[in-house]
Amino acid sequence: MYKNPRGFTLIEILVSTAIFIIIMVMAMGALLSVSAANNKAASIKTVMDNLNFALDSMTRSIRTGQDYKCAGVGDCPSGDSFIVFEAHPSSQPGCTSGSGCSVTYCLSNTAGTACGPSGPYILRNVNATGFVAITAAEVVIDKLTFYVKGAPLGDSIQPKITIIISGHTQSGSTLPSTTFNVQTSVTQRIYDQ
């Protein structure tokens, strides 16, 4: 008995190749979607790490400071985009023991060189030595507001500063921008009598 082994026909090969191509295109689409989501997550993590570092730096120096001024006066229940205070000398680089140490935090101007109403950075100035950005270019700060309560000495209220930051991520690629809103409150460590 002789059997004639029969191979695949041309149509069977075309159908199987078409099914394989369709499956591979769907798999590549899923892979590209996962890759884009991973890139966005990594970008957001970098931005949030930078923002957390800046916020932690601000809260540490504000916590050890005293004599807070917002909008040129002590308390500012309506908020302002900058705060000035006397820092503890050991808490700030550039401050020497035995002398006053004035620290300013503010929203930058569009150039990022001085305080302004609509800048992309949070700036710090210690003893009028010049403003330094404490946030990276990937973090665009749209709004920075400081609320100060209990700033006057002897008012029997421990000073409390609330910081609200709104902004978005700046990515140079095709990743979409992500907005964020962060709020924290800081109380003065030194007891206010």
N, C-alpha and C. Protein backbone atom coordinates (compact mmCIF):
# COMPACT_ATOMS: atom_id res chain seq x y z
N MET A 1 0.82 -1.18 0.00
CA MET A 1 0.00 0.00 0.00
C MET A 1 0.86 1.24 0.00
N TYR A 2 0.66 2.00 -0.96
CA TYR A 2 1.42 3.23 -1.11
C TYR A 2 0.49 4.40 -0.84
N LYS A 3 0.89 5.24 0.12
CA LYS A 3 0.11 6.44 0.43
C LYS A 3 0.83 7.64 -0.13
N ASN A 4 0.07 8.53 -0.63
CA ASN A 4 0.64 9.77 -1.16
C ASN A 4 0.55 10.83 -0.06
N PRO A 5 1.67 11.13 0.65
CA PRO A 5 1.58 12.16 1.70
C PRO A 5 1.29 13.51 1.07
N ARG A 6 0.33 14.12 1.63
CA ARG A 6 -0.12 15.38 1.07
C ARG A 6 0.37 16.52 1.96
N GLY A 7 0.96 17.58 1.43
CA GLY A 7 1.43 18.74 2.19
C GLY A 7 0.35 19.80 2.28
N PHE A 8 0.73 20.93 2.81
CA PHE A 8 -0.20 22.04 2.91
C PHE A 8 -0.42 22.66 1.53
N THR A 9 -1.63 23.07 1.33
CA THR A 9 -1.91 23.77 0.09
C THR A 9 -1.54 25.22 0.25
N LEU A 10 -1.50 25.92 -0.84
CA LEU A 10 -1.14 27.34 -0.82
C LEU A 10 -2.13 28.14 0.01
N ILE A 11 -3.39 27.83 -0.08
CA ILE A 11 -4.42 28.56 0.68
C ILE A 11 -4.25 28.32 2.17
N GLU A 12 -3.95 27.10 2.58
CA GLU A 12 -3.74 26.80 4.00
C GLU A 12 -2.53 27.57 4.54
N ILE A 13 -1.49 27.68 3.77
CA ILE A 13 -0.31 28.44 4.20
C ILE A 13 -0.64 29.92 4.30
N LEU A 14 -1.38 30.47 3.36
CA LEU A 14 -1.76 31.88 3.41
C LEU A 14 -2.65 32.17 4.61
N VAL A 15 -3.60 31.30 4.90
CA VAL A 15 -4.50 31.49 6.05
C VAL A 15 -3.71 31.43 7.35
N SER A 16 -2.85 30.45 7.50
CA SER A 16 -2.08 30.34 8.75
C SER A 16 -1.12 31.52 8.91
N THR A 17 -0.52 31.99 7.83
CA THR A 17 0.36 33.16 7.90
C THR A 17 -0.43 34.41 8.26
N ALA A 18 -1.62 34.57 7.71
CA ALA A 18 -2.46 35.73 8.03
C ALA A 18 -2.87 35.72 9.50
N ILE A 19 -3.24 34.56 10.02
CA ILE A 19 -3.61 34.45 11.44
C ILE A 19 -2.40 34.79 12.31
N PHE A 20 -1.23 34.28 11.95
CA PHE A 20 -0.01 34.57 12.71
C PHE A 20 0.29 36.07 12.70
N ILE A 21 0.16 36.72 11.55
CA ILE A 21 0.44 38.16 11.45
C ILE A 21 -0.55 38.96 12.29
N ILE A 22 -1.82 38.58 12.26
CA ILE A 22 -2.83 39.29 13.06
C ILE A 22 -2.51 39.18 14.54
N ILE A 23 -2.16 37.99 15.00
CA ILE A 23 -1.82 37.79 16.41
C ILE A 23 -0.57 38.60 16.79
N MET A 24 0.43 38.61 15.93
CA MET A 24 1.65 39.36 16.22
C MET A 24 1.41 40.87 16.25
N VAL A 25 0.56 41.39 15.36
CA VAL A 25 0.25 42.82 15.36
C VAL A 25 -0.46 43.20 16.65
N MET A 26 -1.40 42.36 17.10
CA MET A 26 -2.10 42.64 18.37
C MET A 26 -1.12 42.58 19.54
N ALA A 27 -0.22 41.61 19.52
CA ALA A 27 0.76 41.50 20.60
C ALA A 27 1.69 42.70 20.61
N MET A 28 2.11 43.16 19.46
CA MET A 28 2.99 44.34 19.39
C MET A 28 2.27 45.59 19.88
N GLY A 29 0.98 45.72 19.54
CA GLY A 29 0.20 46.86 20.03
C GLY A 29 0.11 46.86 21.54
N ALA A 30 -0.13 45.68 22.12
CA ALA A 30 -0.19 45.58 23.58
C ALA A 30 1.17 45.89 24.19
N LEU A 31 2.23 45.41 23.58
CA LEU A 31 3.58 45.67 24.08
C LEU A 31 3.91 47.16 24.04
N LEU A 32 3.54 47.83 22.95
CA LEU A 32 3.79 49.27 22.85
C LEU A 32 2.96 50.05 23.86
N SER A 33 1.73 49.63 24.12
CA SER A 33 0.90 50.30 25.12
C SER A 33 1.50 50.16 26.52
N VAL A 34 1.96 48.96 26.84
CA VAL A 34 2.59 48.73 28.14
C VAL A 34 3.88 49.54 28.26
N SER A 35 4.64 49.61 27.19
CA SER A 35 5.88 50.39 27.20
C SER A 35 5.60 51.88 27.40
N ALA A 36 4.58 52.41 26.73
CA ALA A 36 4.21 53.82 26.90
C ALA A 36 3.73 54.10 28.32
N ALA A 37 2.94 53.17 28.88
CA ALA A 37 2.48 53.34 30.26
C ALA A 37 3.65 53.31 31.23
N ASN A 38 4.62 52.44 30.98
CA ASN A 38 5.80 52.38 31.83
C ASN A 38 6.61 53.66 31.76
N ASN A 39 6.78 54.21 30.55
CA ASN A 39 7.51 55.48 30.40
C ASN A 39 6.81 56.61 31.13
N LYS A 40 5.48 56.66 31.04
CA LYS A 40 4.73 57.71 31.73
C LYS A 40 4.86 57.54 33.24
N ALA A 41 4.77 56.31 33.73
CA ALA A 41 4.90 56.06 35.16
C ALA A 41 6.29 56.45 35.66
N ALA A 42 7.32 56.15 34.88
CA ALA A 42 8.69 56.53 35.27
C ALA A 42 8.85 58.04 35.27
N SER A 43 8.25 58.72 34.30
CA SER A 43 8.31 60.18 34.25
C SER A 43 7.61 60.80 35.45
N ILE A 44 6.44 60.28 35.77
CA ILE A 44 5.69 60.81 36.92
C ILE A 44 6.46 60.54 38.21
N LYS A 45 7.08 59.37 38.34
CA LYS A 45 7.85 59.06 39.55
C LYS A 45 9.03 60.02 39.71
N THR A 46 9.73 60.31 38.62
CA THR A 46 10.85 61.25 38.68
C THR A 46 10.37 62.63 39.12
N VAL A 47 9.27 63.07 38.53
CA VAL A 47 8.73 64.39 38.87
C VAL A 47 8.29 64.44 40.32
N MET A 48 7.59 63.42 40.77
CA MET A 48 7.09 63.42 42.15
C MET A 48 8.24 63.30 43.16
N ASP A 49 9.27 62.53 42.82
CA ASP A 49 10.44 62.46 43.70
C ASP A 49 11.09 63.84 43.82
N ASN A 50 11.22 64.55 42.71
CA ASN A 50 11.80 65.89 42.73
C ASN A 50 10.93 66.84 43.54
N LEU A 51 9.63 66.78 43.34
CA LEU A 51 8.71 67.64 44.08
C LEU A 51 8.73 67.32 45.56
N ASN A 52 8.76 66.03 45.91
CA ASN A 52 8.82 65.64 47.32
C ASN A 52 10.11 66.12 47.97
N PHE A 53 11.23 66.06 47.25
CA PHE A 53 12.49 66.55 47.79
C PHE A 53 12.41 68.05 48.07
N ALA A 54 11.87 68.80 47.11
CA ALA A 54 11.74 70.26 47.29
C ALA A 54 10.81 70.58 48.44
N LEU A 55 9.69 69.89 48.53
CA LEU A 55 8.72 70.14 49.60
C LEU A 55 9.31 69.77 50.96
N ASP A 56 10.04 68.67 51.02
CA ASP A 56 10.67 68.26 52.27
C ASP A 56 11.73 69.27 52.70
N SER A 57 12.50 69.78 51.76
CA SER A 57 13.50 70.81 52.07
C SER A 57 12.84 72.07 52.62
N MET A 58 11.74 72.48 51.99
CA MET A 58 11.03 73.68 52.45
C MET A 58 10.46 73.46 53.85
N THR A 59 9.80 72.34 54.08
CA THR A 59 9.16 72.12 55.38
C THR A 59 10.18 72.00 56.50
N ARG A 60 11.33 71.41 56.24
CA ARG A 60 12.36 71.31 57.28
C ARG A 60 12.87 72.70 57.70
N SER A 61 13.13 73.56 56.72
CA SER A 61 13.65 74.88 57.09
C SER A 61 12.56 75.75 57.69
N ILE A 62 11.33 75.63 57.21
CA ILE A 62 10.23 76.42 57.79
C ILE A 62 9.95 75.96 59.22
N ARG A 63 9.98 74.67 59.46
CA ARG A 63 9.69 74.12 60.79
C ARG A 63 10.65 74.67 61.85
N THR A 64 11.93 74.83 61.49
CA THR A 64 12.91 75.30 62.46
C THR A 64 13.05 76.81 62.47
N GLY A 65 12.25 77.51 61.67
CA GLY A 65 12.33 78.97 61.60
C GLY A 65 11.40 79.66 62.58
N GLN A 66 11.33 80.99 62.42
CA GLN A 66 10.44 81.81 63.25
C GLN A 66 10.23 83.14 62.54
N ASP A 67 9.33 83.95 63.07
CA ASP A 67 9.03 85.29 62.53
C ASP A 67 8.65 85.22 61.05
N TYR A 68 7.58 84.49 60.77
CA TYR A 68 7.12 84.28 59.39
C TYR A 68 6.38 85.50 58.87
N LYS A 69 6.66 85.83 57.63
CA LYS A 69 5.97 86.95 56.98
C LYS A 69 5.49 86.49 55.61
N CYS A 70 4.23 86.73 55.38
CA CYS A 70 3.60 86.37 54.12
C CYS A 70 2.88 87.62 53.63
N ALA A 71 3.09 88.01 52.41
CA ALA A 71 2.50 89.24 51.85
C ALA A 71 3.00 90.47 52.60
N GLY A 72 4.23 90.40 53.14
CA GLY A 72 4.82 91.54 53.81
C GLY A 72 4.39 91.72 55.26
N VAL A 73 3.42 90.94 55.72
CA VAL A 73 2.95 91.01 57.10
C VAL A 73 3.03 89.62 57.70
N GLY A 74 2.64 89.49 58.95
CA GLY A 74 2.69 88.19 59.61
C GLY A 74 1.69 87.21 59.04
N ASP A 75 0.49 87.21 59.61
CA ASP A 75 -0.55 86.30 59.15
C ASP A 75 -1.04 86.68 57.76
N CYS A 76 -1.35 85.70 56.97
CA CYS A 76 -2.01 85.97 55.68
C CYS A 76 -3.02 84.85 55.42
N PRO A 77 -4.23 85.03 55.94
CA PRO A 77 -5.26 84.00 55.76
C PRO A 77 -5.71 83.84 54.31
N SER A 78 -5.49 84.86 53.48
CA SER A 78 -5.89 84.75 52.07
C SER A 78 -4.78 84.15 51.21
N GLY A 79 -3.59 83.96 51.77
CA GLY A 79 -2.49 83.31 51.06
C GLY A 79 -1.70 84.26 50.17
N ASP A 80 -0.46 83.86 49.88
CA ASP A 80 0.41 84.60 48.97
C ASP A 80 1.40 83.63 48.35
N SER A 81 2.08 84.07 47.30
CA SER A 81 2.99 83.19 46.57
C SER A 81 4.41 83.21 47.11
N PHE A 82 4.65 83.88 48.25
CA PHE A 82 5.99 83.84 48.84
C PHE A 82 5.89 83.91 50.36
N ILE A 83 6.96 83.44 51.01
CA ILE A 83 7.06 83.50 52.46
C ILE A 83 8.50 83.87 52.81
N VAL A 84 8.66 84.71 53.83
CA VAL A 84 9.97 85.12 54.33
C VAL A 84 9.98 84.81 55.81
N PHE A 85 11.08 84.26 56.31
CA PHE A 85 11.19 83.95 57.73
C PHE A 85 12.64 83.93 58.16
N GLU A 86 12.83 83.97 59.46
CA GLU A 86 14.17 83.86 60.04
C GLU A 86 14.43 82.40 60.34
N ALA A 87 15.45 81.84 59.70
CA ALA A 87 15.77 80.43 59.87
C ALA A 87 16.78 80.24 60.98
N HIS A 88 16.77 79.06 61.56
CA HIS A 88 17.79 78.69 62.53
C HIS A 88 19.09 78.55 61.75
N PRO A 89 20.19 79.17 62.21
CA PRO A 89 21.44 79.19 61.42
C PRO A 89 21.96 77.82 61.02
N SER A 90 21.80 76.82 61.87
CA SER A 90 22.35 75.51 61.53
C SER A 90 21.49 74.75 60.52
N SER A 91 20.27 75.25 60.25
CA SER A 91 19.39 74.52 59.33
C SER A 91 19.56 74.94 57.88
N GLN A 92 20.32 75.99 57.62
CA GLN A 92 20.46 76.48 56.24
C GLN A 92 21.92 76.64 55.87
N PRO A 93 22.34 76.11 54.74
CA PRO A 93 23.69 76.40 54.27
C PRO A 93 23.80 77.88 53.92
N GLY A 94 24.88 78.49 54.28
CA GLY A 94 25.06 79.92 54.01
C GLY A 94 24.72 80.79 55.20
N CYS A 95 24.22 80.20 56.27
CA CYS A 95 23.89 80.96 57.49
C CYS A 95 24.99 80.73 58.52
N THR A 96 25.34 81.78 59.23
CA THR A 96 26.34 81.66 60.27
C THR A 96 25.69 81.85 61.62
N SER A 97 26.21 81.16 62.60
CA SER A 97 25.67 81.24 63.95
C SER A 97 25.89 82.63 64.52
N GLY A 98 24.90 83.13 65.23
CA GLY A 98 25.01 84.43 65.86
C GLY A 98 24.47 85.57 65.01
N SER A 99 24.10 85.29 63.78
CA SER A 99 23.55 86.35 62.93
C SER A 99 22.19 85.90 62.41
N GLY A 100 21.38 86.87 62.03
CA GLY A 100 20.07 86.55 61.47
C GLY A 100 20.22 85.85 60.13
N CYS A 101 19.30 84.99 59.84
CA CYS A 101 19.35 84.24 58.59
C CYS A 101 17.97 84.30 57.95
N SER A 102 17.82 85.19 56.99
CA SER A 102 16.54 85.38 56.32
C SER A 102 16.42 84.42 55.13
N VAL A 103 15.30 83.70 55.07
CA VAL A 103 15.06 82.74 53.99
C VAL A 103 13.75 83.12 53.31
N THR A 104 13.76 83.08 51.98
CA THR A 104 12.57 83.35 51.19
C THR A 104 12.29 82.16 50.28
N TYR A 105 11.04 81.74 50.25
CA TYR A 105 10.57 80.76 49.27
C TYR A 105 9.49 81.44 48.45
N CYS A 106 9.55 81.27 47.13
CA CYS A 106 8.55 81.92 46.28
C CYS A 106 8.42 81.20 44.95
N LEU A 107 7.36 81.57 44.23
CA LEU A 107 7.18 81.12 42.86
C LEU A 107 8.03 82.03 41.98
N SER A 108 8.68 81.47 40.98
CA SER A 108 9.59 82.27 40.15
C SER A 108 8.84 83.06 39.09
N ASN A 109 9.56 84.00 38.49
CA ASN A 109 9.05 84.66 37.29
C ASN A 109 9.24 83.71 36.11
N THR A 110 8.83 84.11 34.93
CA THR A 110 8.93 83.21 33.79
C THR A 110 10.37 82.85 33.44
N ALA A 111 11.31 83.72 33.74
CA ALA A 111 12.73 83.43 33.48
C ALA A 111 13.34 82.55 34.56
N GLY A 112 12.69 82.44 35.72
CA GLY A 112 13.20 81.63 36.81
C GLY A 112 14.31 82.28 37.59
N THR A 113 14.42 83.62 37.55
CA THR A 113 15.52 84.31 38.22
C THR A 113 15.10 85.12 39.43
N ALA A 114 13.82 85.41 39.58
CA ALA A 114 13.32 86.20 40.71
C ALA A 114 11.88 85.80 40.98
N CYS A 115 11.33 86.30 42.09
CA CYS A 115 9.94 86.00 42.43
C CYS A 115 9.01 86.62 41.40
N GLY A 116 7.95 85.93 41.10
CA GLY A 116 6.97 86.43 40.14
C GLY A 116 5.66 85.68 40.28
N PRO A 117 4.65 86.08 39.55
CA PRO A 117 3.33 85.47 39.72
C PRO A 117 3.10 84.18 38.94
N SER A 118 3.92 83.89 37.96
CA SER A 118 3.56 82.76 37.08
C SER A 118 4.76 81.98 36.59
N GLY A 119 5.68 81.68 37.47
CA GLY A 119 6.89 81.02 37.01
C GLY A 119 6.81 79.51 37.06
N PRO A 120 7.77 78.88 36.47
CA PRO A 120 7.75 77.42 36.45
C PRO A 120 8.48 76.76 37.62
N TYR A 121 9.16 77.52 38.46
CA TYR A 121 9.99 76.94 39.52
C TYR A 121 9.59 77.45 40.90
N ILE A 122 10.02 76.70 41.93
CA ILE A 122 10.00 77.20 43.30
C ILE A 122 11.43 77.66 43.57
N LEU A 123 11.57 78.89 44.07
CA LEU A 123 12.89 79.47 44.33
C LEU A 123 13.14 79.59 45.83
N ARG A 124 14.42 79.52 46.21
CA ARG A 124 14.85 79.76 47.59
C ARG A 124 15.95 80.80 47.56
N ASN A 125 15.90 81.72 48.52
CA ASN A 125 16.92 82.74 48.67
C ASN A 125 17.31 82.77 50.14
N VAL A 126 18.60 82.61 50.43
CA VAL A 126 19.11 82.63 51.80
C VAL A 126 19.99 83.85 51.97
N ASN A 127 19.64 84.72 52.91
CA ASN A 127 20.42 85.93 53.21
C ASN A 127 20.71 86.78 51.97
N ALA A 128 19.75 86.90 51.10
CA ALA A 128 19.85 87.75 49.90
C ALA A 128 21.08 87.42 49.05
N THR A 129 21.42 86.13 48.96
CA THR A 129 22.56 85.71 48.15
C THR A 129 22.16 85.38 46.72
N GLY A 130 20.91 85.49 46.41
CA GLY A 130 20.43 85.17 45.06
C GLY A 130 19.47 83.99 45.08
N PHE A 131 18.53 84.02 44.17
CA PHE A 131 17.53 82.97 44.11
C PHE A 131 18.07 81.73 43.43
N VAL A 132 17.71 80.57 43.98
CA VAL A 132 18.11 79.28 43.43
C VAL A 132 16.86 78.43 43.27
N ALA A 133 16.68 77.83 42.11
CA ALA A 133 15.53 76.95 41.88
C ALA A 133 15.72 75.65 42.64
N ILE A 134 14.67 75.22 43.35
CA ILE A 134 14.76 73.95 44.07
C ILE A 134 13.90 72.87 43.42
N THR A 135 13.27 73.20 42.30
CA THR A 135 12.56 72.20 41.52
C THR A 135 13.20 72.10 40.14
N ALA A 136 13.10 70.94 39.54
CA ALA A 136 13.73 70.70 38.23
C ALA A 136 12.85 71.20 37.10
N ALA A 137 13.42 71.23 35.92
CA ALA A 137 12.70 71.72 34.74
C ALA A 137 11.54 70.81 34.36
N GLU A 138 11.58 69.54 34.74
CA GLU A 138 10.49 68.62 34.42
C GLU A 138 9.23 68.91 35.23
N VAL A 139 9.39 69.66 36.33
CA VAL A 139 8.26 70.01 37.19
C VAL A 139 7.90 71.47 36.91
N VAL A 140 6.71 71.71 36.40
CA VAL A 140 6.26 73.07 36.14
C VAL A 140 5.25 73.44 37.22
N ILE A 141 5.61 74.44 38.03
CA ILE A 141 4.73 74.89 39.12
C ILE A 141 3.82 75.98 38.57
N ASP A 142 2.53 75.71 38.56
CA ASP A 142 1.55 76.68 38.08
C ASP A 142 1.11 77.63 39.19
N LYS A 143 1.02 77.10 40.41
CA LYS A 143 0.55 77.93 41.53
C LYS A 143 1.22 77.46 42.81
N LEU A 144 1.71 78.41 43.59
CA LEU A 144 2.31 78.15 44.89
C LEU A 144 1.69 79.14 45.87
N THR A 145 1.07 78.62 46.91
CA THR A 145 0.40 79.49 47.87
C THR A 145 0.81 79.11 49.28
N PHE A 146 1.17 80.13 50.07
CA PHE A 146 1.49 79.96 51.48
C PHE A 146 0.40 80.64 52.30
N TYR A 147 -0.14 79.93 53.28
CA TYR A 147 -1.09 80.50 54.24
C TYR A 147 -0.41 80.47 55.60
N VAL A 148 -0.38 81.61 56.28
CA VAL A 148 0.28 81.69 57.59
C VAL A 148 -0.75 82.09 58.63
N LYS A 149 -0.75 81.35 59.74
CA LYS A 149 -1.66 81.64 60.85
C LYS A 149 -0.85 81.60 62.14
N GLY A 150 -1.03 82.58 63.01
CA GLY A 150 -0.35 82.62 64.30
C GLY A 150 1.07 83.13 64.24
N ALA A 151 1.40 83.95 63.26
CA ALA A 151 2.77 84.44 63.09
C ALA A 151 3.20 85.46 64.14
N PRO A 152 2.33 86.40 64.58
CA PRO A 152 2.79 87.40 65.55
C PRO A 152 3.25 86.75 66.86
N LEU A 153 4.35 87.27 67.40
CA LEU A 153 4.87 86.76 68.66
C LEU A 153 3.93 87.14 69.79
N GLY A 154 3.78 86.23 70.75
CA GLY A 154 2.97 86.51 71.93
C GLY A 154 1.48 86.42 71.72
N ASP A 155 1.01 85.86 70.62
CA ASP A 155 -0.43 85.76 70.39
C ASP A 155 -1.01 84.45 70.91
N SER A 156 -0.20 83.63 71.57
CA SER A 156 -0.60 82.34 72.16
C SER A 156 -1.06 81.33 71.11
N ILE A 157 -0.73 81.56 69.86
CA ILE A 157 -1.06 80.61 68.80
C ILE A 157 0.25 80.15 68.17
N GLN A 158 0.46 78.85 68.16
CA GLN A 158 1.66 78.31 67.54
C GLN A 158 1.57 78.56 66.02
N PRO A 159 2.59 79.18 65.41
CA PRO A 159 2.54 79.46 63.97
C PRO A 159 2.34 78.19 63.14
N LYS A 160 1.44 78.29 62.18
CA LYS A 160 1.15 77.18 61.27
C LYS A 160 1.18 77.72 59.85
N ILE A 161 1.95 77.06 59.00
CA ILE A 161 2.07 77.45 57.60
C ILE A 161 1.52 76.31 56.75
N THR A 162 0.59 76.63 55.88
CA THR A 162 0.04 75.65 54.95
C THR A 162 0.56 75.99 53.56
N ILE A 163 1.10 74.99 52.89
CA ILE A 163 1.67 75.17 51.56
C ILE A 163 0.83 74.37 50.56
N ILE A 164 0.38 75.04 49.51
CA ILE A 164 -0.38 74.37 48.45
C ILE A 164 0.37 74.58 47.13
N ILE A 165 0.65 73.49 46.45
CA ILE A 165 1.38 73.53 45.18
C ILE A 165 0.53 72.85 44.11
N SER A 166 0.35 73.55 42.99
CA SER A 166 -0.34 72.97 41.83
C SER A 166 0.60 73.09 40.64
N GLY A 167 0.59 72.09 39.80
CA GLY A 167 1.46 72.15 38.62
C GLY A 167 1.22 70.99 37.69
N HIS A 168 2.15 70.80 36.79
CA HIS A 168 2.06 69.70 35.85
C HIS A 168 3.47 69.25 35.44
N THR A 169 3.52 68.08 34.84
CA THR A 169 4.80 67.55 34.38
C THR A 169 5.12 68.12 33.01
N GLN A 170 6.39 68.27 32.75
CA GLN A 170 6.85 68.76 31.45
C GLN A 170 7.72 67.67 30.87
N SER A 171 7.24 67.04 29.81
CA SER A 171 8.05 66.00 29.18
C SER A 171 8.36 66.42 27.76
N GLY A 172 9.57 66.21 27.36
CA GLY A 172 10.00 66.61 26.03
C GLY A 172 9.57 65.63 24.95
N SER A 173 8.98 64.53 25.34
CA SER A 173 8.58 63.53 24.35
C SER A 173 7.08 63.61 24.08
N THR A 174 6.55 62.56 23.55
CA THR A 174 5.13 62.54 23.21
C THR A 174 4.25 62.16 24.39
N LEU A 175 4.83 62.01 25.57
CA LEU A 175 4.04 61.65 26.75
C LEU A 175 3.10 62.80 27.11
N PRO A 176 1.88 62.49 27.48
CA PRO A 176 0.96 63.56 27.88
C PRO A 176 1.36 64.15 29.23
N SER A 177 1.01 65.39 29.44
CA SER A 177 1.31 66.08 30.69
C SER A 177 0.38 65.57 31.79
N THR A 178 0.90 65.48 33.01
CA THR A 178 0.12 65.04 34.15
C THR A 178 0.07 66.17 35.16
N THR A 179 -1.13 66.51 35.62
CA THR A 179 -1.27 67.57 36.62
C THR A 179 -1.20 66.98 38.02
N PHE A 180 -0.80 67.83 38.98
CA PHE A 180 -0.74 67.40 40.37
C PHE A 180 -1.11 68.56 41.28
N ASN A 181 -1.61 68.22 42.46
CA ASN A 181 -1.92 69.17 43.52
C ASN A 181 -1.39 68.57 44.81
N VAL A 182 -0.56 69.32 45.53
CA VAL A 182 0.04 68.84 46.77
C VAL A 182 -0.19 69.88 47.85
N GLN A 183 -0.52 69.41 49.05
CA GLN A 183 -0.72 70.32 50.17
C GLN A 183 -0.06 69.73 51.41
N THR A 184 0.57 70.58 52.20
CA THR A 184 1.12 70.16 53.48
C THR A 184 1.04 71.32 54.45
N SER A 185 1.07 71.00 55.73
CA SER A 185 1.07 72.02 56.77
C SER A 185 2.28 71.82 57.66
N VAL A 186 2.84 72.92 58.12
CA VAL A 186 4.04 72.90 58.95
C VAL A 186 3.79 73.78 60.16
N THR A 187 4.17 73.30 61.34
CA THR A 187 4.10 74.14 62.53
C THR A 187 5.51 74.43 63.00
N GLN A 188 5.67 75.58 63.62
CA GLN A 188 6.97 75.99 64.13
C GLN A 188 7.39 75.07 65.25
N ARG A 189 8.62 74.61 65.23
CA ARG A 189 9.12 73.71 66.26
C ARG A 189 9.36 74.45 67.57
N ILE A 190 9.85 75.69 67.50
CA ILE A 190 10.12 76.49 68.70
C ILE A 190 8.78 76.88 69.33
N TYR A 191 8.65 76.68 70.62
CA TYR A 191 7.40 77.00 71.30
C TYR A 191 7.18 78.51 71.29
N ASP A 192 6.01 78.94 70.81
CA ASP A 192 5.65 80.35 70.72
C ASP A 192 4.86 80.72 71.97
N GLN A 193 5.43 81.56 72.83
CA GLN A 193 4.77 81.91 74.09
C GLN A 193 3.97 83.17 73.98
